[in-house]
Amino acid sequence: MRHLLRTYLVAAAIAPAIASAQSADLILHHGRIYTVDDAKPFGTALVVRGDRVVFVGSDAEAATFGGKATKIIDLAGFTVLPGFADAHIHVLGVGQALRRVDLVGVKTYEEVVARVVARSKEMKPGEWILGRGWDQNLFPSREFPTHDALSRALPNNPVVLTRIDGHALLANEKAMSLAGVTAKTKDPVGGRIVRDASGNPTGVFVDNAKDLVDRAVPPSSHEELKKALVAAVANLNSWGLTSAHDAGEGQKVTGIYEELARANELTIRSYVMLSDPDVSDAASWAKSTNPFIRRGPQSALYNGHLWVRAIKLYADGAMGSRGAALLAPYSDDQGNTGLLVSTPEHIEGTAGMALKNGFQVNVHAIGDRGNRIVLDAFDAALRKFPRADHRFRIEHAQTLSPSDIPRFAKLGAIPSMQSSHQTSDMGWVERRLGPERVKGAYAWRSLLETGVIIPNGTDAPVERVNPFITFHSAITRQSPDNSPAGGWYADQKMTRGEALKSMTIWPAYAAFQEKTMGSLAAGKYADFVILSQDIMRVPETDIMKTTVVGTYIGGKAVYANVSWGDKVPGVALTKTAR
């Protein structure tokens, strides 16, 4: 199979009568091509001219598009899908995580400390050490760690370790000292400093309290940010991603996206949500100095590589750090109903201003109270400023009261969810919510039956970028190791067809891109991925064995898997770090 992707020039005899102006630039044939286009769902050949799909159908029909300069890829049975879209990801975070201490999956706090100590040997005294990925739910105690062991091991280097969900961090004593945090420091609105019995900070800072420490961390330079973004995009390409919805960036990083796109160096179609620009009323909107607000909503810039037309807000925190806002206290933390990191008035006001000015609003909400507040805010804003095709989104929509599930369809709101969150959380989330409330968590089937779509993402670096985990978890409700048997609350599974749409056409719709992206149809961008096997047909237990063979954007290869040994048109065969 390793010789299957051979590239060669089509002989002139294939279609001598076809004028060069009509000839294809690229033809893929002898494959299994899923288009995600209801009008023509399947083909064996794909034809590309310029950066667009010209035709999908049979090999014989595709051959008529050949010309002297046409390149051919013989798929020999390989599968082609529309390029994967990640509908909720933190792209810069993915790039930064590649360079920070990796704590994902660590089972003990002792191992956390050991990994940080190992990294410290590569660093100078006083240099900041940053890491990400710890999850106390994996520790034997299941409790937040304290800074003590970290501070003893590293008294001279400030250390900041972000929790897996990005909604809490652990700082050692040196970092807290440099940040000016003491027992007298008050909890900020929408945040919590975890304290011991004497009121001293334990080192854990939740949601808005993270800013107390983060503000002391030296900021990354423009070049450092750019390198991290480029590295992240290359990583995404290696997983077959051709589109990414970046779930919240400030004007600096959004400007770097534009810089890369303008230079034709952005190898992914990027839909960037603007992190809360504080424009919740007419006066603040008019006074905003954010250039991306002042320009108004922007779509398909730089040959369809950049969209800036959405505002990202936060309603609450995360379930793992007990910051998600709940209607009733946590089952394993009585008296705690979570945190609101934005006021309902701010969400409603921003939604109203967005409606007036043509922007989309996408709000993070995880707890049932957080989701209800956002739905109420959308409802109120739409009554004041009606707009039929607003496509407002709730990012995560993770835990819902049964009465709120039908409200998404009624309001035209989109639940943007992450199937791998369910499989990562299923080992502990019922302790947080209890046996009744958990039935409204990760409720994909219940939502789909109301008529909404569910664009799927990873929230990486919270979860892994790997799209096969996303697909597998959506259809099985199981971890990558295929546990538990039958799936967790299996009645909420997606079908394979729904899961594929959730990773292609539904994200495109959720970003106002469905006319040019999300499926392989004539006139749309030729963005596609070649897979080693057919994930629509192989046994569920084999899905995780799938690899990406090649990734194409606009008909040009942006990634080729060296393990297949043959050259894919347009790229050097180089490995991409994951």
Protein backbone atom coordinates (compact mmCIF):
# COMPACT_ATOMS: atom_id res chain seq x y z
CA MET A 1 0.00 0.00 0.00
CA ARG A 2 2.96 2.34 0.47
CA HIS A 3 3.27 3.04 -3.27
CA LEU A 4 -0.32 4.14 -3.77
CA LEU A 5 0.09 7.90 -3.85
CA ARG A 6 2.22 8.10 -6.97
CA THR A 7 2.11 11.38 -8.81
CA TYR A 8 2.70 11.71 -12.51
CA LEU A 9 1.63 13.77 -15.49
CA VAL A 10 -1.39 12.60 -17.40
CA ALA A 11 -0.54 11.37 -20.85
CA ALA A 12 -1.85 13.58 -23.61
CA ALA A 13 -3.80 10.62 -24.96
CA ILE A 14 -6.23 10.72 -22.00
CA ALA A 15 -8.19 13.65 -23.32
CA PRO A 16 -6.67 15.13 -26.46
CA ALA A 17 -9.82 17.01 -27.37
CA ILE A 18 -10.02 18.99 -24.13
CA ALA A 19 -8.71 22.53 -24.34
CA SER A 20 -6.03 23.45 -21.83
CA ALA A 21 -8.24 26.19 -20.44
CA GLN A 22 -10.73 23.53 -19.37
CA SER A 23 -8.20 21.05 -18.07
CA ALA A 24 -8.00 20.15 -14.41
CA ASP A 25 -4.98 20.92 -12.29
CA LEU A 26 -5.46 17.80 -10.19
CA ILE A 27 -7.45 14.59 -10.47
CA LEU A 28 -7.74 12.00 -7.71
CA HIS A 29 -9.24 8.68 -8.78
CA HIS A 30 -9.72 5.05 -7.73
CA GLY A 31 -10.77 6.18 -4.25
CA ARG A 32 -13.66 6.28 -1.82
CA ILE A 33 -14.77 9.90 -1.69
CA TYR A 34 -17.37 11.08 0.81
CA THR A 35 -18.56 14.54 -0.20
CA VAL A 36 -20.96 15.41 2.68
CA ASP A 37 -23.09 16.84 -0.13
CA ASP A 38 -26.63 15.45 -0.14
CA ALA A 39 -26.97 16.01 -3.89
CA LYS A 40 -24.03 13.69 -4.64
CA PRO A 41 -22.83 12.01 -1.45
CA PHE A 42 -20.22 9.67 -2.90
CA GLY A 43 -17.77 9.28 -5.77
CA THR A 44 -14.57 7.54 -6.76
CA ALA A 45 -12.88 10.56 -8.35
CA LEU A 46 -12.36 14.23 -7.48
CA VAL A 47 -11.39 16.96 -9.96
CA VAL A 48 -9.75 20.24 -8.96
CA ARG A 49 -9.12 23.37 -11.00
CA GLY A 50 -7.37 26.25 -9.30
CA ASP A 51 -8.41 26.19 -5.65
CA ARG A 52 -11.90 24.81 -6.31
CA VAL A 53 -13.64 21.50 -6.76
CA VAL A 54 -14.86 21.10 -10.34
CA PHE A 55 -16.36 17.63 -10.24
CA VAL A 56 -16.96 14.59 -8.05
CA GLY A 57 -18.10 11.35 -9.63
CA SER A 58 -16.79 8.33 -11.51
CA ASP A 59 -13.26 7.71 -12.71
CA ALA A 60 -14.38 7.67 -16.34
CA GLU A 61 -16.11 11.03 -16.07
CA ALA A 62 -13.17 12.55 -14.21
CA ALA A 63 -10.77 11.46 -16.95
CA THR A 64 -12.46 13.81 -19.41
CA PHE A 65 -11.11 16.75 -17.39
CA GLY A 66 -7.49 15.68 -17.93
CA GLY A 67 -4.94 17.67 -19.88
CA LYS A 68 -1.22 17.74 -20.56
CA ALA A 69 -0.38 19.47 -17.27
CA THR A 70 -2.93 17.72 -15.07
CA LYS A 71 -1.53 15.87 -12.06
CA ILE A 72 -3.05 12.56 -11.06
CA ILE A 73 -3.21 10.86 -7.68
CA ASP A 74 -4.11 7.19 -7.80
CA LEU A 75 -5.83 6.64 -4.46
CA ALA A 76 -6.05 2.88 -4.98
CA GLY A 77 -8.93 2.62 -2.54
CA PHE A 78 -7.90 5.21 0.02
CA THR A 79 -10.64 7.39 1.50
CA VAL A 80 -11.08 11.11 0.85
CA LEU A 81 -13.20 13.35 3.09
CA PRO A 82 -13.74 17.09 3.20
CA GLY A 83 -10.97 18.60 5.29
CA PHE A 84 -11.74 18.39 8.99
CA ALA A 85 -12.85 21.52 10.82
CA ASP A 86 -12.32 22.05 14.53
CA ALA A 87 -15.22 24.23 15.66
CA HIS A 88 -13.65 25.19 18.99
CA ILE A 89 -9.91 25.27 19.46
CA HIS A 90 -7.27 27.54 20.96
CA VAL A 91 -4.70 27.48 18.19
CA LEU A 92 -2.05 29.59 19.89
CA GLY A 93 -2.47 27.44 22.99
CA VAL A 94 -1.73 24.34 20.91
CA GLY A 95 1.50 25.92 19.71
CA GLN A 96 2.51 27.12 23.16
CA ALA A 97 1.76 23.72 24.67
CA LEU A 98 4.33 22.18 22.32
CA ARG A 99 6.99 24.19 24.15
CA ARG A 100 5.75 23.95 27.75
CA VAL A 101 5.94 21.23 30.37
CA ASP A 102 3.41 18.61 29.30
CA LEU A 103 1.31 17.44 32.25
CA VAL A 104 -1.55 15.83 30.34
CA GLY A 105 -2.53 12.46 31.79
CA VAL A 106 -0.20 12.68 34.81
CA LYS A 107 -1.63 10.47 37.57
CA THR A 108 0.05 11.95 40.68
CA TYR A 109 1.10 15.36 41.93
CA GLU A 110 4.55 13.92 42.61
CA GLU A 111 4.96 13.26 38.90
CA VAL A 112 3.85 16.83 38.15
CA VAL A 113 6.64 18.14 40.37
CA ALA A 114 9.16 15.70 38.89
CA ARG A 115 8.41 16.85 35.34
CA VAL A 116 8.80 20.49 36.29
CA VAL A 117 12.07 19.78 38.10
CA ALA A 118 13.36 17.98 35.01
CA ARG A 119 12.53 21.00 32.84
CA SER A 120 14.18 23.36 35.35
CA LYS A 121 17.55 21.75 34.62
CA GLU A 122 17.37 23.27 31.14
CA MET A 123 16.61 26.75 32.50
CA LYS A 124 18.36 29.55 34.34
CA PRO A 125 17.66 30.49 37.97
CA GLY A 126 14.85 32.99 38.08
CA GLU A 127 13.48 32.02 34.67
CA TRP A 128 9.74 31.38 34.53
CA ILE A 129 8.68 27.76 34.01
CA LEU A 130 5.28 27.26 32.39
CA GLY A 131 3.34 24.05 31.99
CA ARG A 132 -0.12 22.81 31.20
CA GLY A 133 -2.35 19.78 31.50
CA TRP A 134 -2.63 18.67 35.15
CA ASP A 135 -5.99 17.34 36.29
CA GLN A 136 -6.57 16.66 39.97
CA ASN A 137 -9.36 14.23 39.08
CA LEU A 138 -6.61 11.81 38.01
CA PHE A 139 -4.77 12.07 41.36
CA PRO A 140 -5.55 9.53 44.10
CA SER A 141 -7.04 12.25 46.33
CA ARG A 142 -9.00 13.92 43.49
CA GLU A 143 -8.33 17.20 45.34
CA PHE A 144 -6.56 20.35 44.18
CA PRO A 145 -2.81 20.24 44.91
CA THR A 146 -1.06 22.87 47.01
CA HIS A 147 2.07 24.79 46.11
CA ASP A 148 4.19 23.39 48.97
CA ALA A 149 6.00 20.53 47.21
CA LEU A 150 6.49 22.64 44.10
CA SER A 151 7.84 25.55 46.12
CA ARG A 152 10.27 23.34 48.04
CA ALA A 153 11.57 21.75 44.85
CA LEU A 154 11.87 25.04 42.94
CA PRO A 155 12.42 27.94 45.33
CA ASN A 156 14.22 30.14 42.78
CA ASN A 157 12.18 29.70 39.61
CA PRO A 158 8.64 31.05 39.39
CA VAL A 159 6.36 28.25 38.18
CA VAL A 160 2.86 28.54 36.71
CA LEU A 161 1.05 25.35 35.70
CA THR A 162 -2.29 25.68 33.94
CA ARG A 163 -4.97 23.09 34.58
CA ILE A 164 -6.08 20.91 31.64
CA ASP A 165 -9.21 23.01 31.03
CA GLY A 166 -7.43 26.36 31.18
CA HIS A 167 -9.78 27.55 33.94
CA ALA A 168 -7.39 27.17 36.88
CA LEU A 169 -3.67 27.35 37.51
CA LEU A 170 -1.18 26.29 40.16
CA ALA A 171 1.57 28.74 41.11
CA ASN A 172 4.54 28.16 43.39
CA GLU A 173 5.56 30.54 46.16
CA LYS A 174 8.09 32.37 43.97
CA ALA A 175 5.45 33.10 41.32
CA MET A 176 2.92 34.29 43.89
CA SER A 177 5.52 36.53 45.47
CA LEU A 178 6.39 38.15 42.14
CA ALA A 179 2.66 38.59 41.46
CA GLY A 180 2.16 40.28 44.82
CA VAL A 181 -0.39 37.72 46.00
CA THR A 182 -0.73 37.34 49.78
CA ALA A 183 -3.34 36.21 52.27
CA LYS A 184 -4.75 39.74 52.11
CA THR A 185 -5.42 39.55 48.36
CA LYS A 186 -9.16 39.52 47.76
CA ASP A 187 -10.96 37.19 45.39
CA PRO A 188 -11.83 39.05 42.18
CA VAL A 189 -15.35 39.05 40.81
CA GLY A 190 -15.82 35.79 38.91
CA GLY A 191 -12.74 34.18 40.41
CA ARG A 192 -11.56 32.26 43.45
CA ILE A 193 -8.25 31.98 45.27
CA VAL A 194 -8.19 28.57 46.92
CA ARG A 195 -7.04 29.02 50.53
CA ASP A 196 -6.04 26.83 53.46
CA ALA A 197 -7.68 26.90 56.89
CA SER A 198 -5.63 29.95 57.84
CA GLY A 199 -6.66 31.89 54.75
CA ASN A 200 -3.34 31.57 52.96
CA PRO A 201 -3.35 30.93 49.20
CA THR A 202 -2.68 27.26 48.42
CA GLY A 203 -1.38 28.15 44.97
CA VAL A 204 -4.55 27.33 43.00
CA PHE A 205 -6.34 30.20 41.27
CA VAL A 206 -9.68 29.60 39.54
CA ASP A 207 -11.14 31.50 36.56
CA ASN A 208 -10.81 35.29 36.90
CA ALA A 209 -8.39 34.85 39.81
CA LYS A 210 -5.84 33.45 37.34
CA ASP A 211 -5.22 36.99 36.13
CA LEU A 212 -3.66 37.83 39.51
CA VAL A 213 -0.75 35.54 38.62
CA ASP A 214 -0.80 35.63 34.83
CA ARG A 215 -0.19 39.38 34.81
CA ALA A 216 3.25 38.77 36.34
CA VAL A 217 4.35 36.30 33.64
CA PRO A 218 6.59 38.04 31.08
CA PRO A 219 4.60 38.46 27.84
CA SER A 220 5.65 36.57 24.73
CA SER A 221 7.25 38.62 21.98
CA HIS A 222 5.63 39.10 18.59
CA GLU A 223 8.03 36.59 17.04
CA GLU A 224 7.42 34.04 19.80
CA LEU A 225 3.68 34.29 19.27
CA LYS A 226 4.09 33.99 15.52
CA LYS A 227 6.31 30.92 15.81
CA ALA A 228 3.84 29.27 18.18
CA LEU A 229 0.95 29.98 15.82
CA VAL A 230 2.83 28.63 12.80
CA ALA A 231 3.82 25.49 14.72
CA ALA A 232 0.23 24.95 15.82
CA VAL A 233 -1.16 25.30 12.30
CA ALA A 234 1.38 22.78 10.99
CA ASN A 235 0.29 20.40 13.74
CA LEU A 236 -3.37 20.86 12.79
CA ASN A 237 -2.57 20.20 9.12
CA SER A 238 -0.88 16.94 10.11
CA TRP A 239 -4.21 15.79 11.58
CA GLY A 240 -6.16 16.58 8.41
CA LEU A 241 -7.55 19.90 9.62
CA THR A 242 -8.18 22.53 6.98
CA SER A 243 -10.36 24.84 9.07
CA ALA A 244 -10.17 26.04 12.68
CA HIS A 245 -12.48 28.18 14.79
CA ASP A 246 -10.10 29.92 17.18
CA ALA A 247 -12.18 30.41 20.32
CA GLY A 248 -10.96 33.78 21.50
CA GLU A 249 -7.98 35.94 20.62
CA GLY A 250 -7.05 39.55 21.31
CA GLN A 251 -6.14 42.02 18.64
CA LYS A 252 -2.41 41.20 18.84
CA VAL A 253 -2.77 37.53 17.91
CA THR A 254 -5.59 38.27 15.47
CA GLY A 255 -3.18 40.69 13.82
CA ILE A 256 -0.60 37.91 13.51
CA TYR A 257 -3.21 35.75 11.79
CA GLU A 258 -3.72 38.59 9.32
CA GLU A 259 0.03 39.01 8.86
CA LEU A 260 0.40 35.32 8.00
CA ALA A 261 -2.63 35.31 5.72
CA ARG A 262 -1.46 38.41 3.86
CA ALA A 263 1.93 36.76 3.26
CA ASN A 264 0.22 33.56 2.06
CA GLU A 265 1.75 31.68 5.00
CA LEU A 266 -1.45 30.62 6.77
CA THR A 267 -2.13 27.03 5.77
CA ILE A 268 -5.53 26.77 7.38
CA ARG A 269 -8.83 28.61 6.98
CA SER A 270 -9.11 30.53 10.23
CA TYR A 271 -12.30 31.81 11.81
CA VAL A 272 -11.08 33.92 14.71
CA MET A 273 -13.39 34.93 17.56
CA LEU A 274 -12.44 38.24 19.15
CA SER A 275 -11.94 37.87 22.90
CA ASP A 276 -14.42 40.03 24.79
CA PRO A 277 -13.64 43.53 23.44
CA ASP A 278 -15.84 45.19 26.12
CA VAL A 279 -18.40 46.70 23.75
CA SER A 280 -21.67 46.07 25.60
CA ASP A 281 -23.33 49.40 24.82
CA ALA A 282 -23.44 51.95 22.01
CA ALA A 283 -20.94 54.28 23.66
CA SER A 284 -18.28 51.61 24.25
CA TRP A 285 -18.77 50.23 20.74
CA ALA A 286 -18.29 53.69 19.23
CA LYS A 287 -15.16 54.32 21.33
CA SER A 288 -13.54 50.92 20.71
CA THR A 289 -9.97 51.15 19.45
CA ASN A 290 -9.90 47.48 18.45
CA PRO A 291 -9.26 47.63 14.68
CA PHE A 292 -11.20 44.43 14.09
CA ILE A 293 -14.29 45.89 15.75
CA ARG A 294 -13.93 49.16 13.86
CA ARG A 295 -13.71 47.40 10.49
CA GLY A 296 -16.94 45.52 11.06
CA PRO A 297 -17.44 41.81 10.34
CA GLN A 298 -14.88 40.45 7.86
CA SER A 299 -15.29 37.25 5.84
CA ALA A 300 -13.09 35.22 3.47
CA LEU A 301 -10.14 37.61 3.60
CA TYR A 302 -6.93 36.73 1.77
CA ASN A 303 -8.40 34.15 -0.58
CA GLY A 304 -10.60 32.63 2.07
CA HIS A 305 -7.99 32.20 4.80
CA LEU A 306 -9.32 34.56 7.47
CA TRP A 307 -12.73 35.34 8.97
CA VAL A 308 -13.11 37.86 11.81
CA ARG A 309 -16.83 38.25 12.42
CA ALA A 310 -17.50 36.85 15.89
CA ILE A 311 -17.13 37.98 19.50
CA LYS A 312 -16.25 35.47 22.23
CA LEU A 313 -17.61 35.90 25.76
CA TYR A 314 -17.49 33.77 28.90
CA ALA A 315 -20.47 33.10 31.13
CA ASP A 316 -18.92 30.73 33.67
CA GLY A 317 -15.95 28.51 34.45
CA ALA A 318 -15.32 24.79 33.99
CA MET A 319 -16.73 21.64 35.56
CA GLY A 320 -13.38 20.11 36.49
CA SER A 321 -12.41 23.08 38.66
CA ARG A 322 -15.99 23.48 39.96
CA GLY A 323 -16.29 26.88 38.34
CA ALA A 324 -19.16 26.00 35.99
CA ALA A 325 -22.26 27.87 37.16
CA LEU A 326 -24.98 25.48 38.34
CA LEU A 327 -28.62 26.00 39.26
CA ALA A 328 -28.09 23.90 42.40
CA PRO A 329 -24.89 23.19 44.38
CA TYR A 330 -22.33 20.67 43.21
CA SER A 331 -23.17 17.19 44.42
CA ASP A 332 -19.60 16.79 45.68
CA ASP A 333 -19.20 20.35 47.01
CA GLN A 334 -22.32 21.45 48.83
CA GLY A 335 -22.72 25.21 49.03
CA ASN A 336 -20.76 25.81 45.82
CA THR A 337 -22.77 26.69 42.71
CA GLY A 338 -19.79 27.79 40.62
CA LEU A 339 -18.78 31.14 39.22
CA LEU A 340 -20.12 33.70 36.78
CA VAL A 341 -17.17 35.32 35.03
CA SER A 342 -19.36 37.83 33.16
CA THR A 343 -22.59 39.48 34.27
CA PRO A 344 -25.82 38.59 32.47
CA GLU A 345 -26.17 42.28 31.60
CA HIS A 346 -22.78 42.30 29.89
CA ILE A 347 -23.67 39.26 27.80
CA GLU A 348 -27.04 40.67 26.80
CA GLY A 349 -25.60 44.10 26.02
CA THR A 350 -22.78 42.70 23.89
CA ALA A 351 -25.21 40.44 22.03
CA GLY A 352 -27.41 43.44 21.28
CA MET A 353 -24.52 45.53 19.97
CA ALA A 354 -23.35 42.59 17.86
CA LEU A 355 -26.81 42.25 16.33
CA LYS A 356 -26.83 45.96 15.48
CA ASN A 357 -23.39 45.78 13.88
CA GLY A 358 -23.54 42.45 12.06
CA PHE A 359 -21.31 40.40 14.35
CA GLN A 360 -21.90 36.92 15.69
CA VAL A 361 -21.66 36.22 19.44
CA ASN A 362 -20.27 32.94 20.81
CA VAL A 363 -20.48 32.48 24.57
CA HIS A 364 -18.70 29.89 26.71
CA ALA A 365 -21.21 28.21 29.03
CA ILE A 366 -20.73 24.87 30.76
CA GLY A 367 -23.06 24.70 33.77
CA ASP A 368 -26.85 24.59 33.52
CA ARG A 369 -27.11 28.03 35.15
CA GLY A 370 -24.47 29.44 32.81
CA ASN A 371 -26.33 28.09 29.78
CA ARG A 372 -29.68 29.42 30.97
CA ILE A 373 -28.20 32.88 31.51
CA VAL A 374 -26.83 32.90 27.96
CA LEU A 375 -30.08 31.66 26.43
CA ASP A 376 -31.95 34.34 28.37
CA ALA A 377 -29.47 36.98 27.17
CA PHE A 378 -29.81 35.89 23.55
CA ASP A 379 -33.60 35.92 23.87
CA ALA A 380 -33.65 39.44 25.31
CA ALA A 381 -31.17 40.81 22.75
CA LEU A 382 -33.08 39.30 19.83
CA ARG A 383 -36.32 40.82 21.04
CA LYS A 384 -34.67 44.25 21.00
CA PHE A 385 -32.71 43.79 17.78
CA PRO A 386 -34.37 41.04 15.71
CA ARG A 387 -32.18 39.33 13.12
CA ALA A 388 -33.21 36.09 11.47
CA ASP A 389 -29.81 34.68 10.54
CA HIS A 390 -27.66 35.54 13.56
CA ARG A 391 -26.21 32.06 14.24
CA PHE A 392 -25.36 32.93 17.83
CA ARG A 393 -23.49 30.07 19.49
CA ILE A 394 -23.07 28.64 22.96
CA GLU A 395 -19.61 27.16 23.22
CA HIS A 396 -19.69 23.84 25.11
CA ALA A 397 -23.40 23.77 26.12
CA GLN A 398 -22.14 21.01 28.36
CA THR A 399 -24.78 20.67 31.07
CA LEU A 400 -28.37 21.67 30.31
CA SER A 401 -31.60 21.72 32.25
CA PRO A 402 -34.14 19.61 30.31
CA SER A 403 -36.38 22.64 29.86
CA ASP A 404 -33.57 24.56 28.16
CA ILE A 405 -32.74 21.95 25.51
CA PRO A 406 -35.57 22.99 23.12
CA ARG A 407 -34.67 26.67 23.48
CA PHE A 408 -31.66 26.40 21.18
CA ALA A 409 -33.85 25.57 18.19
CA LYS A 410 -36.46 28.16 19.13
CA LEU A 411 -33.85 30.91 19.35
CA GLY A 412 -31.81 29.76 16.36
CA ALA A 413 -28.82 29.28 18.67
CA ILE A 414 -26.11 26.74 17.89
CA PRO A 415 -24.68 24.41 20.56
CA SER A 416 -20.97 24.18 19.70
CA MET A 417 -19.80 21.08 21.55
CA GLN A 418 -16.76 18.85 21.98
CA SER A 419 -17.40 15.12 21.95
CA SER A 420 -14.07 14.24 23.56
CA HIS A 421 -14.95 16.34 26.63
CA GLN A 422 -17.55 13.71 27.45
CA THR A 423 -15.12 10.83 27.29
CA SER A 424 -12.50 12.72 29.29
CA ASP A 425 -15.01 13.73 31.98
CA MET A 426 -17.15 10.60 32.26
CA GLY A 427 -15.03 9.10 35.05
CA TRP A 428 -15.87 11.87 37.51
CA VAL A 429 -18.62 14.16 36.21
CA GLU A 430 -21.47 12.19 37.79
CA ARG A 431 -19.93 12.86 41.20
CA ARG A 432 -20.09 16.57 40.39
CA LEU A 433 -23.68 16.56 39.12
CA GLY A 434 -25.46 13.57 40.63
CA PRO A 435 -27.43 10.85 38.79
CA GLU A 436 -30.34 13.03 37.63
CA ARG A 437 -28.60 16.21 36.57
CA VAL A 438 -25.94 14.29 34.63
CA LYS A 439 -28.63 13.18 32.16
CA GLY A 440 -28.55 16.71 30.75
CA ALA A 441 -24.77 16.59 30.24
CA TYR A 442 -23.24 16.10 26.78
CA ALA A 443 -26.79 15.59 25.51
CA TRP A 444 -26.06 15.35 21.79
CA ARG A 445 -29.01 13.18 20.78
CA SER A 446 -31.48 15.20 22.82
CA LEU A 447 -30.30 18.38 21.10
CA LEU A 448 -30.19 16.90 17.60
CA GLU A 449 -33.77 15.70 17.94
CA THR A 450 -34.89 19.32 18.38
CA GLY A 451 -33.54 20.14 14.91
CA VAL A 452 -30.30 21.94 15.75
CA ILE A 453 -26.86 21.16 14.38
CA ILE A 454 -23.83 20.46 16.58
CA PRO A 455 -20.49 21.71 15.27
CA ASN A 456 -17.80 19.60 16.93
CA GLY A 457 -14.41 20.64 18.22
CA THR A 458 -11.69 19.65 20.64
CA ASP A 459 -11.03 22.76 22.76
CA ALA A 460 -7.36 21.83 22.25
CA PRO A 461 -5.04 22.01 24.07
CA VAL A 462 -7.71 20.99 26.61
CA GLU A 463 -8.28 17.83 24.57
CA ARG A 464 -6.04 16.35 21.90
CA VAL A 465 -6.30 17.70 18.35
CA ASN A 466 -6.65 14.14 16.99
CA PRO A 467 -9.90 14.14 14.91
CA PHE A 468 -10.24 10.38 15.16
CA ILE A 469 -10.74 10.73 18.92
CA THR A 470 -13.43 13.33 18.17
CA PHE A 471 -15.16 11.06 15.65
CA HIS A 472 -14.81 7.91 17.76
CA SER A 473 -16.13 9.53 20.94
CA ALA A 474 -19.10 11.02 19.07
CA ILE A 475 -20.33 7.68 17.77
CA THR A 476 -19.35 5.42 20.69
CA ARG A 477 -19.34 7.60 23.86
CA GLN A 478 -16.18 5.64 24.67
CA SER A 479 -12.55 6.47 25.38
CA PRO A 480 -10.00 5.75 22.65
CA ASP A 481 -9.39 2.38 24.31
CA ASN A 482 -13.07 1.50 23.60
CA SER A 483 -14.25 1.65 27.21
CA PRO A 484 -16.74 1.45 28.80
CA ALA A 485 -18.48 -1.36 26.94
CA GLY A 486 -21.46 -0.03 25.05
CA GLY A 487 -20.59 3.60 25.78
CA TRP A 488 -21.41 6.08 28.56
CA TYR A 489 -25.11 7.08 28.43
CA ALA A 490 -25.17 5.49 25.00
CA ASP A 491 -28.61 6.85 24.11
CA GLN A 492 -26.90 10.19 23.35
CA LYS A 493 -24.58 8.87 20.61
CA MET A 494 -24.33 10.39 17.15
CA THR A 495 -24.49 8.32 13.98
CA ARG A 496 -21.38 8.20 11.78
CA GLY A 497 -23.06 10.48 9.27
CA GLU A 498 -23.89 13.02 11.97
CA ALA A 499 -20.38 12.82 13.41
CA LEU A 500 -18.85 13.49 9.99
CA LYS A 501 -21.16 16.46 9.46
CA SER A 502 -20.25 17.73 12.93
CA MET A 503 -16.62 17.90 11.77
CA THR A 504 -17.22 19.36 8.30
CA ILE A 505 -20.40 21.05 7.07
CA TRP A 506 -21.90 21.93 10.47
CA PRO A 507 -18.83 23.93 11.57
CA ALA A 508 -18.90 25.65 8.18
CA TYR A 509 -22.52 26.65 8.74
CA ALA A 510 -21.74 27.81 12.27
CA ALA A 511 -19.14 30.20 10.80
CA PHE A 512 -21.21 31.42 7.81
CA GLN A 513 -18.92 29.41 5.50
CA GLU A 514 -21.23 26.70 4.17
CA LYS A 515 -21.39 28.15 0.64
CA THR A 516 -17.67 27.65 0.08
CA MET A 517 -16.55 25.05 2.64
CA GLY A 518 -17.57 21.96 4.55
CA SER A 519 -18.32 19.61 1.66
CA LEU A 520 -16.79 18.53 -1.64
CA ALA A 521 -19.05 20.03 -4.29
CA ALA A 522 -18.47 21.94 -7.51
CA GLY A 523 -17.51 25.53 -6.79
CA LYS A 524 -16.35 24.97 -3.21
CA TYR A 525 -12.77 25.16 -1.99
CA ALA A 526 -10.80 22.01 -2.72
CA ASP A 527 -10.03 21.34 0.94
CA PHE A 528 -9.76 17.63 1.66
CA VAL A 529 -7.97 14.94 3.60
CA ILE A 530 -6.78 11.52 2.43
CA LEU A 531 -7.11 8.78 5.07
CA SER A 532 -5.48 5.39 5.38
CA GLN A 533 -8.85 3.68 5.92
CA ASP A 534 -12.57 4.34 5.66
CA ILE A 535 -13.78 5.59 9.06
CA MET A 536 -17.36 5.40 7.82
CA ARG A 537 -17.13 1.60 7.44
CA VAL A 538 -14.37 0.10 9.60
CA PRO A 539 -15.34 -1.43 12.95
CA GLU A 540 -15.59 1.12 15.75
CA THR A 541 -12.73 -0.60 17.53
CA ASP A 542 -10.44 0.12 14.54
CA ILE A 543 -11.17 3.83 14.09
CA MET A 544 -8.23 4.88 16.26
CA LYS A 545 -5.86 3.04 13.90
CA THR A 546 -6.57 5.58 11.14
CA THR A 547 -3.79 7.86 9.95
CA VAL A 548 -3.76 10.96 7.77
CA VAL A 549 -2.00 10.35 4.46
CA GLY A 550 -2.26 13.86 3.06
CA THR A 551 -3.99 17.18 3.70
CA TYR A 552 -4.93 19.63 0.94
CA ILE A 553 -6.14 23.22 1.09
CA GLY A 554 -7.30 24.87 -2.12
CA GLY A 555 -6.01 21.89 -4.06
CA LYS A 556 -2.48 22.27 -2.67
CA ALA A 557 -0.89 19.77 -0.33
CA VAL A 558 0.01 21.21 3.07
CA TYR A 559 0.89 17.92 4.76
CA ALA A 560 2.20 14.56 3.59
CA ASN A 561 2.67 11.59 5.90
CA VAL A 562 6.24 10.35 5.48
CA SER A 563 5.33 6.86 6.64
CA TRP A 564 3.59 6.22 3.32
CA GLY A 565 6.85 6.76 1.49
CA ASP A 566 5.61 8.50 -1.67
CA LYS A 567 5.57 12.16 -2.52
CA VAL A 568 2.27 14.05 -2.46
CA PRO A 569 2.15 16.96 -4.94
CA GLY A 570 3.28 20.28 -3.63
CA VAL A 571 4.97 19.49 -0.31
CA ALA A 572 8.27 18.19 0.89
CA LEU A 573 7.98 15.01 2.90
CA THR A 574 8.76 16.30 6.36
CA LYS A 575 7.48 15.14 9.69
CA THR A 576 5.32 17.50 11.72
CA ALA A 577 5.65 17.61 15.50
CA ARG A 578 2.56 16.52 17.40
